[in-house]
Amino acid sequence: MRFLCKPTLSLLLLLLVTTASAQMRLPTGIELRAAYCVEVLQNDIAEINEMQASVDHEIKHIEDVPPDERQTVTQALREGQSGLPKDVAERQSTLNRLQLFIVPRMKYLDANALLGANERAKSDLHDFAALVHRCSAQCRGPTAGHTSGNMMVSCIQKCTSGALIDRLNACRNPTWLPF
């Protein structure tokens, strides 16, 4: 009798595993994009928080700046960081919206596909960091000839355009989400 129970138990376990895996489905394009964008926005928030901490550190250690320029430098640093809390709040709100969309669906979706979207986001973020570094050097270089901040910004915007930027920006304003 015990001999018959083991195959029956194995068959039952196999049936349960097969049924569970049969319920998994491939994610839609919107679900893959949401999984991709969760990683992008988490990275954005971390980077903005790092910028904020860096500026705060610079303000606290302003003694390296000549005394007659400290107030001007401190004011410029504060102005530069004034929009950062708003940026974090906007990114966090968008991240929350994406998570409300994707997290309840995750248990029904193919985990490998979601992981692939996450890995693509990491790869794109790495490529973006390299692109920004390259463009900053190109636009600041001695042959760039940019004398104003506006010309520098314009140069960087032209240098950092394309499909990669479009994918990342689509995460920051997900009009493609159904709600």
N, C-alpha and C. Protein backbone atom coordinates (compact mmCIF):
# COMPACT_ATOMS: atom_id res chain seq x y z
N MET A 1 0.81 -1.18 0.00
CA MET A 1 0.00 0.00 0.00
C MET A 1 0.86 1.26 0.00
N ARG A 2 1.93 1.26 0.81
CA ARG A 2 2.80 2.42 0.85
C ARG A 2 3.48 2.63 -0.50
N PHE A 3 3.77 1.58 -1.20
CA PHE A 3 4.41 1.68 -2.50
C PHE A 3 3.53 2.44 -3.48
N LEU A 4 2.24 2.24 -3.42
CA LEU A 4 1.30 2.92 -4.30
C LEU A 4 1.14 4.40 -3.91
N CYS A 5 1.34 4.72 -2.67
CA CYS A 5 1.15 6.10 -2.22
C CYS A 5 2.25 7.01 -2.74
N LYS A 6 3.48 6.53 -2.82
CA LYS A 6 4.57 7.39 -3.27
C LYS A 6 4.37 7.86 -4.72
N PRO A 7 4.03 6.97 -5.65
CA PRO A 7 3.79 7.46 -7.01
C PRO A 7 2.58 8.40 -7.06
N THR A 8 1.58 8.12 -6.28
CA THR A 8 0.39 8.96 -6.27
C THR A 8 0.75 10.35 -5.72
N LEU A 9 1.54 10.38 -4.67
CA LEU A 9 1.97 11.64 -4.09
C LEU A 9 2.85 12.40 -5.09
N SER A 10 3.74 11.71 -5.76
CA SER A 10 4.60 12.34 -6.77
C SER A 10 3.77 12.89 -7.92
N LEU A 11 2.78 12.14 -8.33
CA LEU A 11 1.90 12.58 -9.41
C LEU A 11 1.12 13.82 -8.98
N LEU A 12 0.64 13.82 -7.76
CA LEU A 12 -0.10 14.97 -7.24
C LEU A 12 0.79 16.21 -7.18
N LEU A 13 2.03 16.04 -6.69
CA LEU A 13 2.96 17.17 -6.65
C LEU A 13 3.27 17.66 -8.05
N LEU A 14 3.48 16.74 -8.99
CA LEU A 14 3.74 17.12 -10.37
C LEU A 14 2.55 17.88 -10.95
N LEU A 15 1.34 17.43 -10.65
CA LEU A 15 0.13 18.10 -11.12
C LEU A 15 0.04 19.51 -10.54
N LEU A 16 0.36 19.66 -9.25
CA LEU A 16 0.32 20.98 -8.62
C LEU A 16 1.35 21.92 -9.23
N VAL A 17 2.56 21.44 -9.44
CA VAL A 17 3.61 22.26 -10.04
C VAL A 17 3.23 22.64 -11.46
N THR A 18 2.73 21.69 -12.23
CA THR A 18 2.34 21.95 -13.61
C THR A 18 1.20 22.95 -13.65
N THR A 19 0.23 22.80 -12.76
CA THR A 19 -0.89 23.73 -12.71
C THR A 19 -0.41 25.12 -12.33
N ALA A 20 0.48 25.19 -11.36
CA ALA A 20 1.01 26.49 -10.94
C ALA A 20 1.79 27.14 -12.06
N SER A 21 2.62 26.38 -12.75
CA SER A 21 3.40 26.97 -13.83
C SER A 21 2.53 27.27 -15.05
N ALA A 22 1.46 26.55 -15.22
CA ALA A 22 0.55 26.81 -16.34
C ALA A 22 -0.18 28.13 -16.14
N GLN A 23 -0.33 28.56 -14.90
CA GLN A 23 -1.01 29.82 -14.64
C GLN A 23 -0.12 31.02 -14.93
N MET A 24 1.18 30.80 -15.02
CA MET A 24 2.10 31.89 -15.32
C MET A 24 1.90 32.28 -16.78
N ARG A 25 1.90 33.56 -17.02
CA ARG A 25 1.76 34.02 -18.40
C ARG A 25 2.85 35.03 -18.71
N LEU A 26 3.10 35.21 -19.97
CA LEU A 26 4.08 36.20 -20.38
C LEU A 26 3.51 37.59 -20.13
N PRO A 27 4.33 38.50 -19.64
CA PRO A 27 3.85 39.85 -19.40
C PRO A 27 3.56 40.59 -20.71
N THR A 28 2.61 41.50 -20.65
CA THR A 28 2.33 42.36 -21.80
C THR A 28 3.44 43.39 -21.92
N GLY A 29 3.42 44.13 -23.00
CA GLY A 29 4.39 45.20 -23.18
C GLY A 29 4.32 46.24 -22.08
N ILE A 30 3.12 46.55 -21.65
CA ILE A 30 2.94 47.55 -20.59
C ILE A 30 3.49 47.01 -19.27
N GLU A 31 3.27 45.73 -18.99
CA GLU A 31 3.79 45.14 -17.75
C GLU A 31 5.32 45.09 -17.76
N LEU A 32 5.90 44.77 -18.92
CA LEU A 32 7.37 44.76 -19.03
C LEU A 32 7.93 46.17 -18.85
N ARG A 33 7.26 47.14 -19.45
CA ARG A 33 7.71 48.53 -19.31
C ARG A 33 7.61 48.98 -17.86
N ALA A 34 6.55 48.57 -17.17
CA ALA A 34 6.40 48.94 -15.76
C ALA A 34 7.53 48.34 -14.93
N ALA A 35 7.87 47.07 -15.18
CA ALA A 35 8.96 46.43 -14.46
C ALA A 35 10.29 47.14 -14.74
N TYR A 36 10.50 47.53 -15.97
CA TYR A 36 11.69 48.28 -16.38
C TYR A 36 11.73 49.62 -15.65
N CYS A 37 10.60 50.30 -15.64
CA CYS A 37 10.55 51.65 -15.08
C CYS A 37 10.68 51.67 -13.56
N VAL A 38 10.26 50.62 -12.89
CA VAL A 38 10.45 50.58 -11.43
C VAL A 38 11.94 50.71 -11.11
N GLU A 39 12.77 49.99 -11.82
CA GLU A 39 14.22 50.08 -11.61
C GLU A 39 14.75 51.47 -11.95
N VAL A 40 14.27 52.04 -13.05
CA VAL A 40 14.73 53.37 -13.47
C VAL A 40 14.39 54.42 -12.41
N LEU A 41 13.16 54.38 -11.92
CA LEU A 41 12.74 55.38 -10.94
C LEU A 41 13.41 55.19 -9.59
N GLN A 42 13.62 53.96 -9.18
CA GLN A 42 14.35 53.73 -7.93
C GLN A 42 15.76 54.30 -8.06
N ASN A 43 16.38 54.12 -9.21
CA ASN A 43 17.71 54.68 -9.45
C ASN A 43 17.66 56.21 -9.45
N ASP A 44 16.67 56.79 -10.12
CA ASP A 44 16.53 58.25 -10.14
C ASP A 44 16.45 58.81 -8.73
N ILE A 45 15.61 58.22 -7.91
CA ILE A 45 15.42 58.71 -6.54
C ILE A 45 16.71 58.61 -5.75
N ALA A 46 17.42 57.50 -5.88
CA ALA A 46 18.70 57.34 -5.18
C ALA A 46 19.71 58.38 -5.65
N GLU A 47 19.76 58.62 -6.95
CA GLU A 47 20.72 59.60 -7.48
C GLU A 47 20.39 61.02 -7.02
N ILE A 48 19.12 61.37 -7.03
CA ILE A 48 18.72 62.71 -6.57
C ILE A 48 19.05 62.87 -5.09
N ASN A 49 18.78 61.84 -4.30
CA ASN A 49 19.12 61.91 -2.87
C ASN A 49 20.63 62.04 -2.67
N GLU A 50 21.42 61.37 -3.50
CA GLU A 50 22.88 61.49 -3.42
C GLU A 50 23.32 62.91 -3.78
N MET A 51 22.68 63.51 -4.81
CA MET A 51 23.01 64.89 -5.17
C MET A 51 22.71 65.82 -4.01
N GLN A 52 21.55 65.62 -3.39
CA GLN A 52 21.15 66.44 -2.25
C GLN A 52 22.17 66.33 -1.13
N ALA A 53 22.58 65.12 -0.81
CA ALA A 53 23.57 64.91 0.25
C ALA A 53 24.91 65.53 -0.12
N SER A 54 25.29 65.44 -1.37
CA SER A 54 26.56 66.01 -1.83
C SER A 54 26.55 67.53 -1.69
N VAL A 55 25.45 68.16 -2.09
CA VAL A 55 25.35 69.62 -1.96
C VAL A 55 25.34 70.01 -0.49
N ASP A 56 24.60 69.27 0.33
CA ASP A 56 24.59 69.56 1.77
C ASP A 56 26.00 69.46 2.35
N HIS A 57 26.75 68.46 1.92
CA HIS A 57 28.13 68.28 2.38
C HIS A 57 29.00 69.47 1.95
N GLU A 58 28.83 69.88 0.69
CA GLU A 58 29.61 71.02 0.20
C GLU A 58 29.29 72.29 0.99
N ILE A 59 28.03 72.50 1.31
CA ILE A 59 27.63 73.69 2.07
C ILE A 59 28.24 73.65 3.48
N LYS A 60 28.23 72.48 4.09
CA LYS A 60 28.78 72.35 5.44
C LYS A 60 30.30 72.54 5.46
N HIS A 61 30.94 72.20 4.36
CA HIS A 61 32.41 72.29 4.29
C HIS A 61 32.84 73.38 3.32
N ILE A 62 32.24 74.53 3.46
CA ILE A 62 32.47 75.65 2.57
C ILE A 62 33.79 76.38 2.86
N GLU A 63 34.50 75.97 3.90
CA GLU A 63 35.72 76.67 4.29
C GLU A 63 36.80 76.65 3.22
N ASP A 64 36.68 75.76 2.23
CA ASP A 64 37.65 75.73 1.13
C ASP A 64 37.49 76.92 0.19
N VAL A 65 36.34 77.56 0.25
CA VAL A 65 36.06 78.71 -0.61
C VAL A 65 36.55 79.98 0.11
N PRO A 66 37.15 80.91 -0.63
CA PRO A 66 37.59 82.16 0.02
C PRO A 66 36.42 82.82 0.76
N PRO A 67 36.68 83.38 1.94
CA PRO A 67 35.62 83.95 2.79
C PRO A 67 34.71 84.95 2.08
N ASP A 68 35.26 85.76 1.20
CA ASP A 68 34.42 86.77 0.54
C ASP A 68 33.49 86.17 -0.52
N GLU A 69 33.70 84.91 -0.89
CA GLU A 69 32.87 84.26 -1.91
C GLU A 69 31.92 83.21 -1.31
N ARG A 70 32.03 82.95 -0.04
CA ARG A 70 31.24 81.87 0.58
C ARG A 70 29.74 82.08 0.45
N GLN A 71 29.29 83.29 0.71
CA GLN A 71 27.85 83.54 0.65
C GLN A 71 27.32 83.31 -0.77
N THR A 72 28.07 83.79 -1.77
CA THR A 72 27.65 83.62 -3.16
C THR A 72 27.62 82.14 -3.55
N VAL A 73 28.65 81.41 -3.16
CA VAL A 73 28.73 79.98 -3.49
C VAL A 73 27.62 79.22 -2.77
N THR A 74 27.41 79.53 -1.49
CA THR A 74 26.36 78.86 -0.73
C THR A 74 24.99 79.12 -1.35
N GLN A 75 24.74 80.36 -1.75
CA GLN A 75 23.46 80.71 -2.38
C GLN A 75 23.28 79.94 -3.69
N ALA A 76 24.35 79.88 -4.49
CA ALA A 76 24.27 79.15 -5.76
C ALA A 76 24.01 77.67 -5.53
N LEU A 77 24.66 77.08 -4.53
CA LEU A 77 24.42 75.67 -4.22
C LEU A 77 22.99 75.44 -3.76
N ARG A 78 22.48 76.32 -2.92
CA ARG A 78 21.10 76.18 -2.44
C ARG A 78 20.08 76.33 -3.57
N GLU A 79 20.35 77.27 -4.47
CA GLU A 79 19.46 77.45 -5.62
C GLU A 79 19.49 76.21 -6.51
N GLY A 80 20.67 75.64 -6.67
CA GLY A 80 20.81 74.44 -7.50
C GLY A 80 20.08 73.24 -6.95
N GLN A 81 19.94 73.19 -5.62
CA GLN A 81 19.28 72.05 -5.02
C GLN A 81 17.81 72.33 -4.68
N SER A 82 17.34 73.52 -4.96
CA SER A 82 15.98 73.88 -4.54
C SER A 82 14.90 73.01 -5.18
N GLY A 83 15.11 72.52 -6.38
CA GLY A 83 14.11 71.69 -7.04
C GLY A 83 14.23 70.20 -6.73
N LEU A 84 15.27 69.81 -6.03
CA LEU A 84 15.50 68.38 -5.79
C LEU A 84 14.40 67.72 -4.96
N PRO A 85 13.92 68.33 -3.87
CA PRO A 85 12.83 67.67 -3.13
C PRO A 85 11.57 67.46 -3.98
N LYS A 86 11.27 68.42 -4.84
CA LYS A 86 10.12 68.28 -5.73
C LYS A 86 10.34 67.14 -6.72
N ASP A 87 11.57 67.05 -7.25
CA ASP A 87 11.90 65.96 -8.17
C ASP A 87 11.74 64.60 -7.50
N VAL A 88 12.22 64.48 -6.27
CA VAL A 88 12.08 63.22 -5.53
C VAL A 88 10.61 62.89 -5.31
N ALA A 89 9.82 63.88 -4.91
CA ALA A 89 8.40 63.65 -4.65
C ALA A 89 7.68 63.21 -5.93
N GLU A 90 8.00 63.83 -7.05
CA GLU A 90 7.38 63.45 -8.32
C GLU A 90 7.77 62.03 -8.73
N ARG A 91 9.07 61.72 -8.60
CA ARG A 91 9.54 60.38 -8.96
C ARG A 91 8.93 59.33 -8.03
N GLN A 92 8.82 59.65 -6.75
CA GLN A 92 8.25 58.71 -5.78
C GLN A 92 6.78 58.46 -6.09
N SER A 93 6.06 59.50 -6.44
CA SER A 93 4.64 59.35 -6.80
C SER A 93 4.48 58.46 -8.03
N THR A 94 5.34 58.68 -9.02
CA THR A 94 5.30 57.86 -10.23
C THR A 94 5.68 56.42 -9.92
N LEU A 95 6.70 56.24 -9.08
CA LEU A 95 7.11 54.89 -8.68
C LEU A 95 5.97 54.18 -7.95
N ASN A 96 5.30 54.87 -7.05
CA ASN A 96 4.17 54.28 -6.34
C ASN A 96 3.09 53.83 -7.32
N ARG A 97 2.81 54.66 -8.30
CA ARG A 97 1.80 54.34 -9.31
C ARG A 97 2.19 53.09 -10.10
N LEU A 98 3.46 53.02 -10.50
CA LEU A 98 3.94 51.85 -11.24
C LEU A 98 3.84 50.59 -10.38
N GLN A 99 4.23 50.70 -9.13
CA GLN A 99 4.18 49.54 -8.24
C GLN A 99 2.75 49.09 -7.99
N LEU A 100 1.84 50.03 -7.86
CA LEU A 100 0.43 49.66 -7.70
C LEU A 100 -0.08 48.89 -8.91
N PHE A 101 0.48 49.18 -10.06
CA PHE A 101 0.09 48.49 -11.28
C PHE A 101 0.73 47.11 -11.38
N ILE A 102 2.06 47.03 -11.16
CA ILE A 102 2.77 45.79 -11.48
C ILE A 102 2.80 44.78 -10.34
N VAL A 103 2.91 45.21 -9.11
CA VAL A 103 3.11 44.26 -8.00
C VAL A 103 1.98 43.25 -7.88
N PRO A 104 0.70 43.64 -7.94
CA PRO A 104 -0.35 42.61 -7.83
C PRO A 104 -0.34 41.59 -8.98
N ARG A 105 0.21 41.97 -10.12
CA ARG A 105 0.25 41.08 -11.28
C ARG A 105 1.44 40.12 -11.26
N MET A 106 2.46 40.45 -10.48
CA MET A 106 3.71 39.70 -10.54
C MET A 106 3.56 38.22 -10.27
N LYS A 107 2.66 37.85 -9.38
CA LYS A 107 2.53 36.42 -9.06
C LYS A 107 1.96 35.61 -10.23
N TYR A 108 1.40 36.28 -11.22
CA TYR A 108 0.82 35.59 -12.37
C TYR A 108 1.69 35.67 -13.62
N LEU A 109 2.80 36.43 -13.52
CA LEU A 109 3.63 36.68 -14.69
C LEU A 109 4.93 35.88 -14.66
N ASP A 110 5.44 35.61 -15.83
CA ASP A 110 6.71 34.90 -15.98
C ASP A 110 7.82 35.74 -15.35
N ALA A 111 8.41 35.22 -14.28
CA ALA A 111 9.43 35.96 -13.54
C ALA A 111 10.67 36.23 -14.38
N ASN A 112 11.02 35.33 -15.28
CA ASN A 112 12.21 35.52 -16.13
C ASN A 112 12.04 36.74 -17.04
N ALA A 113 10.85 36.93 -17.57
CA ALA A 113 10.61 38.09 -18.42
C ALA A 113 10.71 39.39 -17.62
N LEU A 114 10.15 39.40 -16.42
CA LEU A 114 10.23 40.59 -15.56
C LEU A 114 11.67 40.88 -15.16
N LEU A 115 12.42 39.81 -14.87
CA LEU A 115 13.83 39.97 -14.53
C LEU A 115 14.61 40.52 -15.72
N GLY A 116 14.25 40.07 -16.90
CA GLY A 116 14.89 40.59 -18.12
C GLY A 116 14.65 42.08 -18.29
N ALA A 117 13.44 42.52 -18.01
CA ALA A 117 13.13 43.95 -18.10
C ALA A 117 13.93 44.74 -17.07
N ASN A 118 14.06 44.19 -15.89
CA ASN A 118 14.83 44.82 -14.83
C ASN A 118 16.31 44.92 -15.22
N GLU A 119 16.85 43.85 -15.79
CA GLU A 119 18.25 43.84 -16.22
C GLU A 119 18.47 44.82 -17.37
N ARG A 120 17.50 44.94 -18.26
CA ARG A 120 17.60 45.91 -19.37
C ARG A 120 17.66 47.32 -18.80
N ALA A 121 16.86 47.60 -17.77
CA ALA A 121 16.89 48.92 -17.13
C ALA A 121 18.27 49.19 -16.54
N LYS A 122 18.83 48.22 -15.85
CA LYS A 122 20.17 48.40 -15.27
C LYS A 122 21.20 48.67 -16.35
N SER A 123 21.11 47.94 -17.44
CA SER A 123 22.03 48.13 -18.56
C SER A 123 21.85 49.53 -19.17
N ASP A 124 20.61 49.94 -19.36
CA ASP A 124 20.34 51.27 -19.91
C ASP A 124 20.83 52.37 -18.98
N LEU A 125 20.67 52.19 -17.69
CA LEU A 125 21.16 53.19 -16.73
C LEU A 125 22.68 53.29 -16.77
N HIS A 126 23.34 52.15 -16.92
CA HIS A 126 24.79 52.15 -17.06
C HIS A 126 25.19 52.89 -18.34
N ASP A 127 24.51 52.59 -19.44
CA ASP A 127 24.80 53.26 -20.71
C ASP A 127 24.52 54.76 -20.62
N PHE A 128 23.47 55.12 -19.90
CA PHE A 128 23.13 56.53 -19.72
C PHE A 128 24.21 57.27 -18.94
N ALA A 129 24.71 56.65 -17.89
CA ALA A 129 25.78 57.27 -17.10
C ALA A 129 27.02 57.50 -17.96
N ALA A 130 27.36 56.53 -18.79
CA ALA A 130 28.51 56.68 -19.69
C ALA A 130 28.24 57.78 -20.72
N LEU A 131 27.03 57.84 -21.22
CA LEU A 131 26.65 58.87 -22.20
C LEU A 131 26.75 60.27 -21.59
N VAL A 132 26.25 60.43 -20.38
CA VAL A 132 26.31 61.73 -19.71
C VAL A 132 27.77 62.14 -19.48
N HIS A 133 28.57 61.19 -19.05
CA HIS A 133 29.99 61.47 -18.83
C HIS A 133 30.66 61.92 -20.13
N ARG A 134 30.39 61.20 -21.20
CA ARG A 134 30.96 61.53 -22.51
C ARG A 134 30.49 62.90 -22.98
N CYS A 135 29.19 63.15 -22.84
CA CYS A 135 28.63 64.42 -23.31
C CYS A 135 29.12 65.59 -22.47
N SER A 136 29.25 65.38 -21.18
CA SER A 136 29.77 66.45 -20.31
C SER A 136 31.18 66.82 -20.73
N ALA A 137 32.00 65.82 -20.98
CA ALA A 137 33.38 66.08 -21.42
C ALA A 137 33.39 66.77 -22.78
N GLN A 138 32.55 66.32 -23.67
CA GLN A 138 32.48 66.90 -25.02
C GLN A 138 32.02 68.36 -24.96
N CYS A 139 31.02 68.63 -24.15
CA CYS A 139 30.45 69.98 -24.09
C CYS A 139 31.27 70.94 -23.23
N ARG A 140 32.12 70.40 -22.37
CA ARG A 140 33.00 71.24 -21.54
C ARG A 140 34.39 71.36 -22.12
N GLY A 141 34.68 70.53 -23.08
CA GLY A 141 36.03 70.48 -23.63
C GLY A 141 36.49 71.81 -24.20
N PRO A 142 37.80 71.95 -24.38
CA PRO A 142 38.35 73.22 -24.88
C PRO A 142 37.87 73.58 -26.28
N THR A 143 37.47 72.59 -27.05
CA THR A 143 36.98 72.89 -28.40
C THR A 143 35.50 73.15 -28.44
N ALA A 144 34.81 72.96 -27.32
CA ALA A 144 33.37 73.17 -27.30
C ALA A 144 33.02 74.65 -27.45
N GLY A 145 33.81 75.51 -26.85
CA GLY A 145 33.61 76.94 -27.01
C GLY A 145 32.36 77.48 -26.35
N HIS A 146 31.81 76.80 -25.37
CA HIS A 146 30.60 77.27 -24.71
C HIS A 146 30.98 78.20 -23.57
N THR A 147 30.45 79.39 -23.63
CA THR A 147 30.76 80.37 -22.59
C THR A 147 29.62 80.56 -21.61
N SER A 148 28.43 80.15 -21.97
CA SER A 148 27.31 80.34 -21.05
C SER A 148 26.73 79.01 -20.62
N GLY A 149 26.05 79.03 -19.48
CA GLY A 149 25.41 77.83 -18.98
C GLY A 149 24.33 77.33 -19.92
N ASN A 150 23.61 78.24 -20.56
CA ASN A 150 22.54 77.85 -21.49
C ASN A 150 23.10 77.10 -22.69
N MET A 151 24.26 77.54 -23.19
CA MET A 151 24.88 76.85 -24.32
C MET A 151 25.34 75.46 -23.90
N MET A 152 25.82 75.34 -22.68
CA MET A 152 26.26 74.04 -22.15
C MET A 152 25.07 73.09 -22.05
N VAL A 153 23.96 73.58 -21.50
CA VAL A 153 22.75 72.76 -21.38
C VAL A 153 22.26 72.34 -22.76
N SER A 154 22.27 73.24 -23.70
CA SER A 154 21.84 72.94 -25.07
C SER A 154 22.72 71.86 -25.69
N CYS A 155 24.02 71.97 -25.48
CA CYS A 155 24.95 70.97 -26.00
C CYS A 155 24.67 69.60 -25.41
N ILE A 156 24.49 69.54 -24.10
CA ILE A 156 24.24 68.26 -23.43
C ILE A 156 22.91 67.67 -23.89
N GLN A 157 21.88 68.51 -24.07
CA GLN A 157 20.59 68.00 -24.53
C GLN A 157 20.70 67.40 -25.93
N LYS A 158 21.45 68.04 -26.81
CA LYS A 158 21.64 67.51 -28.17
C LYS A 158 22.43 66.21 -28.13
N CYS A 159 23.40 66.16 -27.25
CA CYS A 159 24.28 64.99 -27.16
C CYS A 159 23.56 63.79 -26.55
N THR A 160 22.62 64.05 -25.67
CA THR A 160 21.94 62.96 -24.96
C THR A 160 20.53 62.72 -25.49
N SER A 161 20.36 62.76 -26.77
CA SER A 161 19.05 62.45 -27.34
C SER A 161 19.12 61.06 -27.97
N GLY A 162 17.96 60.48 -28.23
CA GLY A 162 17.93 59.18 -28.88
C GLY A 162 17.02 58.20 -28.16
N ALA A 163 17.04 56.96 -28.63
CA ALA A 163 16.13 55.92 -28.12
C ALA A 163 16.34 55.63 -26.64
N LEU A 164 17.59 55.62 -26.20
CA LEU A 164 17.88 55.36 -24.79
C LEU A 164 17.21 56.42 -23.91
N ILE A 165 17.38 57.67 -24.27
CA ILE A 165 16.79 58.77 -23.50
C ILE A 165 15.27 58.70 -23.56
N ASP A 166 14.73 58.36 -24.71
CA ASP A 166 13.27 58.24 -24.85
C ASP A 166 12.72 57.16 -23.92
N ARG A 167 13.42 56.00 -23.83
CA ARG A 167 12.97 54.93 -22.93
C ARG A 167 12.99 55.39 -21.48
N LEU A 168 14.06 56.05 -21.08
CA LEU A 168 14.18 56.50 -19.70
C LEU A 168 13.14 57.58 -19.38
N ASN A 169 12.95 58.50 -20.29
CA ASN A 169 11.97 59.57 -20.07
C ASN A 169 10.54 59.06 -20.03
N ALA A 170 10.26 57.99 -20.77
CA ALA A 170 8.91 57.41 -20.74
C ALA A 170 8.57 56.89 -19.34
N CYS A 171 9.59 56.56 -18.57
CA CYS A 171 9.36 56.10 -17.20
C CYS A 171 8.99 57.24 -16.28
N ARG A 172 9.48 58.41 -16.57
CA ARG A 172 9.27 59.56 -15.69
C ARG A 172 7.91 60.21 -15.90
N ASN A 173 7.28 59.88 -17.00
CA ASN A 173 5.92 60.37 -17.28
C ASN A 173 5.14 59.25 -17.95
N PRO A 174 4.71 58.26 -17.16
CA PRO A 174 4.10 57.06 -17.75
C PRO A 174 2.64 57.25 -18.18
N THR A 175 2.47 58.04 -19.22
CA THR A 175 1.12 58.24 -19.78
C THR A 175 0.59 56.95 -20.38
N TRP A 176 1.45 55.98 -20.56
CA TRP A 176 1.09 54.70 -21.15
C TRP A 176 0.42 53.76 -20.15
N LEU A 177 0.47 54.09 -18.85
CA LEU A 177 -0.21 53.26 -17.85
C LEU A 177 -1.72 53.38 -18.02
N PRO A 178 -2.45 52.29 -17.79
CA PRO A 178 -3.91 52.35 -17.99
C PRO A 178 -4.66 53.18 -16.95
N PHE A 179 -4.01 53.53 -15.86
CA PHE A 179 -4.69 54.37 -14.85
C PHE A 179 -3.71 55.36 -14.27
